[in-house]
Amino acid sequence: MFVCLDHLAAVRLQKIREYASKLVFKAKERQAIFEQAFETEIQQYKQSGIIPSNSILQSIKKCITN
């Protein structure tokens, strides 16, 4: 019985690690999207002197929800 419990604990631990890995990957992916959007806004601001509109924010939201 203890062997079975040890096996179940090991399987559960592996699933938790896989889930955590997926969360880290998604977080890094989102961070990259935000960094790209920020750089785009900075470039637009440097060129025009005007803070960009919310269109970039809307495109970020679309990327995140997908």
PDB file of N, CA and C in Angstrom:
ATOM      1  N   MET A   1       0.809  -1.188   0.000  1.00  0.00           N
ATOM      2  CA  MET A   1       0.000   0.000   0.000  1.00  0.00           C
ATOM      3  C   MET A   1       0.858   1.260   0.000  1.00  0.00           C
ATOM      4  N   PHE A   2       1.960   1.254   0.749  1.00  0.00           N
ATOM      5  CA  PHE A   2       2.834   2.416   0.786  1.00  0.00           C
ATOM      6  C   PHE A   2       3.506   2.658  -0.558  1.00  0.00           C
ATOM      7  N   VAL A   3       3.784   1.573  -1.286  1.00  0.00           N
ATOM      8  CA  VAL A   3       4.379   1.711  -2.607  1.00  0.00           C
ATOM      9  C   VAL A   3       3.405   2.430  -3.535  1.00  0.00           C
ATOM     10  N   CYS A   4       2.149   2.074  -3.439  1.00  0.00           N
ATOM     11  CA  CYS A   4       1.119   2.698  -4.258  1.00  0.00           C
ATOM     12  C   CYS A   4       1.005   4.186  -3.930  1.00  0.00           C
ATOM     13  N   LEU A   5       1.027   4.529  -2.651  1.00  0.00           N
ATOM     14  CA  LEU A   5       0.951   5.929  -2.244  1.00  0.00           C
ATOM     15  C   LEU A   5       2.180   6.708  -2.702  1.00  0.00           C
ATOM     16  N   ASP A   6       3.345   6.080  -2.636  1.00  0.00           N
ATOM     17  CA  ASP A   6       4.561   6.731  -3.110  1.00  0.00           C
ATOM     18  C   ASP A   6       4.491   6.984  -4.608  1.00  0.00           C
ATOM     19  N   HIS A   7       3.963   6.007  -5.328  1.00  0.00           N
ATOM     20  CA  HIS A   7       3.818   6.157  -6.781  1.00  0.00           C
ATOM     21  C   HIS A   7       2.844   7.286  -7.108  1.00  0.00           C
ATOM     22  N   LEU A   8       1.711   7.334  -6.415  1.00  0.00           N
ATOM     23  CA  LEU A   8       0.727   8.396  -6.638  1.00  0.00           C
ATOM     24  C   LEU A   8       1.316   9.768  -6.312  1.00  0.00           C
ATOM     25  N   ALA A   9       2.087   9.833  -5.243  1.00  0.00           N
ATOM     26  CA  ALA A   9       2.721  11.094  -4.868  1.00  0.00           C
ATOM     27  C   ALA A   9       3.718  11.533  -5.935  1.00  0.00           C
ATOM     28  N   ALA A  10       4.464  10.578  -6.475  1.00  0.00           N
ATOM     29  CA  ALA A  10       5.443  10.900  -7.516  1.00  0.00           C
ATOM     30  C   ALA A  10       4.744  11.377  -8.793  1.00  0.00           C
ATOM     31  N   VAL A  11       3.657  10.719  -9.153  1.00  0.00           N
ATOM     32  CA  VAL A  11       2.902  11.119 -10.349  1.00  0.00           C
ATOM     33  C   VAL A  11       2.329  12.516 -10.163  1.00  0.00           C
ATOM     34  N   ARG A  12       1.777  12.772  -8.982  1.00  0.00           N
ATOM     35  CA  ARG A  12       1.200  14.095  -8.688  1.00  0.00           C
ATOM     36  C   ARG A  12       2.279  15.176  -8.730  1.00  0.00           C
ATOM     37  N   LEU A  13       3.431  14.893  -8.163  1.00  0.00           N
ATOM     38  CA  LEU A  13       4.532  15.848  -8.181  1.00  0.00           C
ATOM     39  C   LEU A  13       4.965  16.153  -9.615  1.00  0.00           C
ATOM     40  N   GLN A  14       5.015  15.137 -10.458  1.00  0.00           N
ATOM     41  CA  GLN A  14       5.385  15.339 -11.862  1.00  0.00           C
ATOM     42  C   GLN A  14       4.363  16.222 -12.569  1.00  0.00           C
ATOM     43  N   LYS A  15       3.082  15.995 -12.311  1.00  0.00           N
ATOM     44  CA  LYS A  15       2.035  16.813 -12.928  1.00  0.00           C
ATOM     45  C   LYS A  15       2.130  18.255 -12.473  1.00  0.00           C
ATOM     46  N   ILE A  16       2.425  18.455 -11.204  1.00  0.00           N
ATOM     47  CA  ILE A  16       2.577  19.814 -10.682  1.00  0.00           C
ATOM     48  C   ILE A  16       3.757  20.506 -11.349  1.00  0.00           C
ATOM     49  N   ARG A  17       4.844  19.812 -11.517  1.00  0.00           N
ATOM     50  CA  ARG A  17       6.029  20.387 -12.178  1.00  0.00           C
ATOM     51  C   ARG A  17       5.716  20.755 -13.629  1.00  0.00           C
ATOM     52  N   GLU A  18       5.007  19.884 -14.330  1.00  0.00           N
ATOM     53  CA  GLU A  18       4.639  20.167 -15.718  1.00  0.00           C
ATOM     54  C   GLU A  18       3.734  21.394 -15.798  1.00  0.00           C
ATOM     55  N   TYR A  19       2.771  21.478 -14.892  1.00  0.00           N
ATOM     56  CA  TYR A  19       1.855  22.619 -14.870  1.00  0.00           C
ATOM     57  C   TYR A  19       2.619  23.914 -14.573  1.00  0.00           C
ATOM     58  N   ALA A  20       3.515  23.870 -13.605  1.00  0.00           N
ATOM     59  CA  ALA A  20       4.317  25.049 -13.266  1.00  0.00           C
ATOM     60  C   ALA A  20       5.182  25.466 -14.451  1.00  0.00           C
ATOM     61  N   SER A  21       5.718  24.502 -15.162  1.00  0.00           N
ATOM     62  CA  SER A  21       6.534  24.799 -16.335  1.00  0.00           C
ATOM     63  C   SER A  21       5.707  25.496 -17.407  1.00  0.00           C
ATOM     64  N   LYS A  22       4.482  25.040 -17.609  1.00  0.00           N
ATOM     65  CA  LYS A  22       3.595  25.675 -18.583  1.00  0.00           C
ATOM     66  C   LYS A  22       3.276  27.106 -18.179  1.00  0.00           C
ATOM     67  N   LEU A  23       3.048  27.324 -16.885  1.00  0.00           N
ATOM     68  CA  LEU A  23       2.756  28.674 -16.405  1.00  0.00           C
ATOM     69  C   LEU A  23       3.940  29.609 -16.624  1.00  0.00           C
ATOM     70  N   VAL A  24       5.136  29.125 -16.375  1.00  0.00           N
ATOM     71  CA  VAL A  24       6.335  29.935 -16.584  1.00  0.00           C
ATOM     72  C   VAL A  24       6.479  30.276 -18.060  1.00  0.00           C
ATOM     73  N   PHE A  25       6.238  29.305 -18.931  1.00  0.00           N
ATOM     74  CA  PHE A  25       6.334  29.540 -20.370  1.00  0.00           C
ATOM     75  C   PHE A  25       5.339  30.616 -20.806  1.00  0.00           C
ATOM     76  N   LYS A  26       4.091  30.518 -20.335  1.00  0.00           N
ATOM     77  CA  LYS A  26       3.079  31.503 -20.695  1.00  0.00           C
ATOM     78  C   LYS A  26       3.444  32.881 -20.169  1.00  0.00           C
ATOM     79  N   ALA A  27       3.981  32.940 -18.963  1.00  0.00           N
ATOM     80  CA  ALA A  27       4.371  34.225 -18.387  1.00  0.00           C
ATOM     81  C   ALA A  27       5.487  34.871 -19.198  1.00  0.00           C
ATOM     82  N   LYS A  28       6.452  34.082 -19.618  1.00  0.00           N
ATOM     83  CA  LYS A  28       7.549  34.614 -20.439  1.00  0.00           C
ATOM     84  C   LYS A  28       7.037  35.073 -21.802  1.00  0.00           C
ATOM     85  N   GLU A  29       6.109  34.314 -22.355  1.00  0.00           N
ATOM     86  CA  GLU A  29       5.535  34.676 -23.645  1.00  0.00           C
ATOM     87  C   GLU A  29       4.783  36.002 -23.538  1.00  0.00           C
ATOM     88  N   ARG A  30       3.986  36.162 -22.503  1.00  0.00           N
ATOM     89  CA  ARG A  30       3.257  37.414 -22.298  1.00  0.00           C
ATOM     90  C   ARG A  30       4.204  38.576 -22.065  1.00  0.00           C
ATOM     91  N   GLN A  31       5.260  38.329 -21.287  1.00  0.00           N
ATOM     92  CA  GLN A  31       6.232  39.384 -21.027  1.00  0.00           C
ATOM     93  C   GLN A  31       6.872  39.847 -22.333  1.00  0.00           C
ATOM     94  N   ALA A  32       7.171  38.927 -23.224  1.00  0.00           N
ATOM     95  CA  ALA A  32       7.757  39.285 -24.514  1.00  0.00           C
ATOM     96  C   ALA A  32       6.792  40.147 -25.328  1.00  0.00           C
ATOM     97  N   ILE A  33       5.510  39.815 -25.274  1.00  0.00           N
ATOM     98  CA  ILE A  33       4.508  40.600 -26.002  1.00  0.00           C
ATOM     99  C   ILE A  33       4.450  42.015 -25.450  1.00  0.00           C
ATOM    100  N   PHE A  34       4.443  42.144 -24.130  1.00  0.00           N
ATOM    101  CA  PHE A  34       4.396  43.470 -23.515  1.00  0.00           C
ATOM    102  C   PHE A  34       5.658  44.274 -23.815  1.00  0.00           C
ATOM    103  N   GLU A  35       6.809  43.618 -23.797  1.00  0.00           N
ATOM    104  CA  GLU A  35       8.054  44.313 -24.116  1.00  0.00           C
ATOM    105  C   GLU A  35       8.031  44.831 -25.551  1.00  0.00           C
ATOM    106  N   GLN A  36       7.544  44.011 -26.467  1.00  0.00           N
ATOM    107  CA  GLN A  36       7.465  44.412 -27.865  1.00  0.00           C
ATOM    108  C   GLN A  36       6.514  45.601 -28.018  1.00  0.00           C
ATOM    109  N   ALA A  37       5.380  45.557 -27.369  1.00  0.00           N
ATOM    110  CA  ALA A  37       4.417  46.653 -27.448  1.00  0.00           C
ATOM    111  C   ALA A  37       5.003  47.923 -26.839  1.00  0.00           C
ATOM    112  N   PHE A  38       5.714  47.779 -25.737  1.00  0.00           N
ATOM    113  CA  PHE A  38       6.333  48.933 -25.097  1.00  0.00           C
ATOM    114  C   PHE A  38       7.359  49.575 -26.019  1.00  0.00           C
ATOM    115  N   GLU A  39       8.192  48.762 -26.638  1.00  0.00           N
ATOM    116  CA  GLU A  39       9.201  49.290 -27.562  1.00  0.00           C
ATOM    117  C   GLU A  39       8.544  50.000 -28.741  1.00  0.00           C
ATOM    118  N   THR A  40       7.456  49.437 -29.239  1.00  0.00           N
ATOM    119  CA  THR A  40       6.726  50.069 -30.340  1.00  0.00           C
ATOM    120  C   THR A  40       6.186  51.427 -29.910  1.00  0.00           C
ATOM    121  N   GLU A  41       5.615  51.490 -28.704  1.00  0.00           N
ATOM    122  CA  GLU A  41       5.085  52.754 -28.203  1.00  0.00           C
ATOM    123  C   GLU A  41       6.192  53.789 -28.019  1.00  0.00           C
ATOM    124  N   ILE A  42       7.317  53.350 -27.513  1.00  0.00           N
ATOM    125  CA  ILE A  42       8.445  54.273 -27.321  1.00  0.00           C
ATOM    126  C   ILE A  42       8.909  54.828 -28.663  1.00  0.00           C
ATOM    127  N   GLN A  43       9.021  53.973 -29.659  1.00  0.00           N
ATOM    128  CA  GLN A  43       9.445  54.434 -30.987  1.00  0.00           C
ATOM    129  C   GLN A  43       8.444  55.423 -31.566  1.00  0.00           C
ATOM    130  N   GLN A  44       7.153  55.141 -31.416  1.00  0.00           N
ATOM    131  CA  GLN A  44       6.125  56.056 -31.916  1.00  0.00           C
ATOM    132  C   GLN A  44       6.195  57.388 -31.182  1.00  0.00           C
ATOM    133  N   TYR A  45       6.419  57.333 -29.880  1.00  0.00           N
ATOM    134  CA  TYR A  45       6.509  58.555 -29.097  1.00  0.00           C
ATOM    135  C   TYR A  45       7.723  59.375 -29.524  1.00  0.00           C
ATOM    136  N   LYS A  46       8.846  58.722 -29.750  1.00  0.00           N
ATOM    137  CA  LYS A  46      10.058  59.431 -30.175  1.00  0.00           C
ATOM    138  C   LYS A  46       9.869  60.085 -31.541  1.00  0.00           C
ATOM    139  N   GLN A  47       9.139  59.446 -32.427  1.00  0.00           N
ATOM    140  CA  GLN A  47       8.930  59.977 -33.769  1.00  0.00           C
ATOM    141  C   GLN A  47       7.901  61.092 -33.796  1.00  0.00           C
ATOM    142  N   SER A  48       6.824  60.926 -33.049  1.00  0.00           N
ATOM    143  CA  SER A  48       5.724  61.881 -33.153  1.00  0.00           C
ATOM    144  C   SER A  48       5.612  62.832 -31.965  1.00  0.00           C
ATOM    145  N   GLY A  49       6.162  62.455 -30.829  1.00  0.00           N
ATOM    146  CA  GLY A  49       6.033  63.271 -29.640  1.00  0.00           C
ATOM    147  C   GLY A  49       4.677  63.122 -28.972  1.00  0.00           C
ATOM    148  N   ILE A  50       3.874  62.196 -29.466  1.00  0.00           N
ATOM    149  CA  ILE A  50       2.540  61.959 -28.920  1.00  0.00           C
ATOM    150  C   ILE A  50       2.488  60.549 -28.358  1.00  0.00           C
ATOM    151  N   ILE A  51       1.844  60.425 -27.197  1.00  0.00           N
ATOM    152  CA  ILE A  51       1.692  59.101 -26.606  1.00  0.00           C
ATOM    153  C   ILE A  51       0.717  58.303 -27.465  1.00  0.00           C
ATOM    154  N   PRO A  52       1.089  57.078 -27.858  1.00  0.00           N
ATOM    155  CA  PRO A  52       0.234  56.266 -28.738  1.00  0.00           C
ATOM    156  C   PRO A  52      -1.147  56.001 -28.129  1.00  0.00           C
ATOM    157  N   SER A  53      -2.088  55.723 -29.015  1.00  0.00           N
ATOM    158  CA  SER A  53      -3.466  55.470 -28.591  1.00  0.00           C
ATOM    159  C   SER A  53      -3.609  54.084 -27.973  1.00  0.00           C
ATOM    160  N   ASN A  54      -4.807  53.752 -27.616  1.00  0.00           N
ATOM    161  CA  ASN A  54      -5.093  52.462 -27.000  1.00  0.00           C
ATOM    162  C   ASN A  54      -5.128  51.318 -28.005  1.00  0.00           C
ATOM    163  N   SER A  55      -4.896  51.578 -29.273  1.00  0.00           N
ATOM    164  CA  SER A  55      -4.954  50.500 -30.265  1.00  0.00           C
ATOM    165  C   SER A  55      -3.910  49.431 -29.978  1.00  0.00           C
ATOM    166  N   ILE A  56      -2.772  49.826 -29.489  1.00  0.00           N
ATOM    167  CA  ILE A  56      -1.735  48.853 -29.148  1.00  0.00           C
ATOM    168  C   ILE A  56      -2.188  48.027 -27.955  1.00  0.00           C
ATOM    169  N   LEU A  57      -2.797  48.681 -26.980  1.00  0.00           N
ATOM    170  CA  LEU A  57      -3.292  47.941 -25.817  1.00  0.00           C
ATOM    171  C   LEU A  57      -4.347  46.921 -26.219  1.00  0.00           C
ATOM    172  N   GLN A  58      -5.183  47.281 -27.159  1.00  0.00           N
ATOM    173  CA  GLN A  58      -6.207  46.353 -27.620  1.00  0.00           C
ATOM    174  C   GLN A  58      -5.576  45.160 -28.327  1.00  0.00           C
ATOM    175  N   SER A  59      -4.518  45.398 -29.097  1.00  0.00           N
ATOM    176  CA  SER A  59      -3.861  44.282 -29.781  1.00  0.00           C
ATOM    177  C   SER A  59      -3.168  43.367 -28.778  1.00  0.00           C
ATOM    178  N   ILE A  60      -2.656  43.941 -27.682  1.00  0.00           N
ATOM    179  CA  ILE A  60      -2.042  43.110 -26.638  1.00  0.00           C
ATOM    180  C   ILE A  60      -3.108  42.218 -26.004  1.00  0.00           C
ATOM    181  N   LYS A  61      -4.260  42.798 -25.716  1.00  0.00           N
ATOM    182  CA  LYS A  61      -5.339  42.017 -25.104  1.00  0.00           C
ATOM    183  C   LYS A  61      -5.758  40.861 -25.995  1.00  0.00           C
ATOM    184  N   LYS A  62      -5.777  41.092 -27.309  1.00  0.00           N
ATOM    185  CA  LYS A  62      -6.138  40.024 -28.237  1.00  0.00           C
ATOM    186  C   LYS A  62      -5.104  38.905 -28.190  1.00  0.00           C
ATOM    187  N   CYS A  63      -3.813  39.279 -28.125  1.00  0.00           N
ATOM    188  CA  CYS A  63      -2.758  38.275 -28.073  1.00  0.00           C
ATOM    189  C   CYS A  63      -2.846  37.439 -26.789  1.00  0.00           C
ATOM    190  N   ILE A  64      -3.165  38.106 -25.706  1.00  0.00           N
ATOM    191  CA  ILE A  64      -3.215  37.397 -24.418  1.00  0.00           C
ATOM    192  C   ILE A  64      -4.394  36.436 -24.368  1.00  0.00           C
ATOM    193  N   THR A  65      -5.531  36.885 -24.858  1.00  0.00           N
ATOM    194  CA  THR A  65      -6.708  36.023 -24.794  1.00  0.00           C
ATOM    195  C   THR A  65      -6.607  34.843 -25.743  1.00  0.00           C
ATOM    196  N   ASN A  66      -5.793  34.936 -26.751  1.00  0.00           N
ATOM    197  CA  ASN A  66      -5.608  33.815 -27.673  1.00  0.00           C
ATOM    198  C   ASN A  66      -4.571  32.924 -27.098  1.00  0.00           C
TER     199      ASN A  66
END
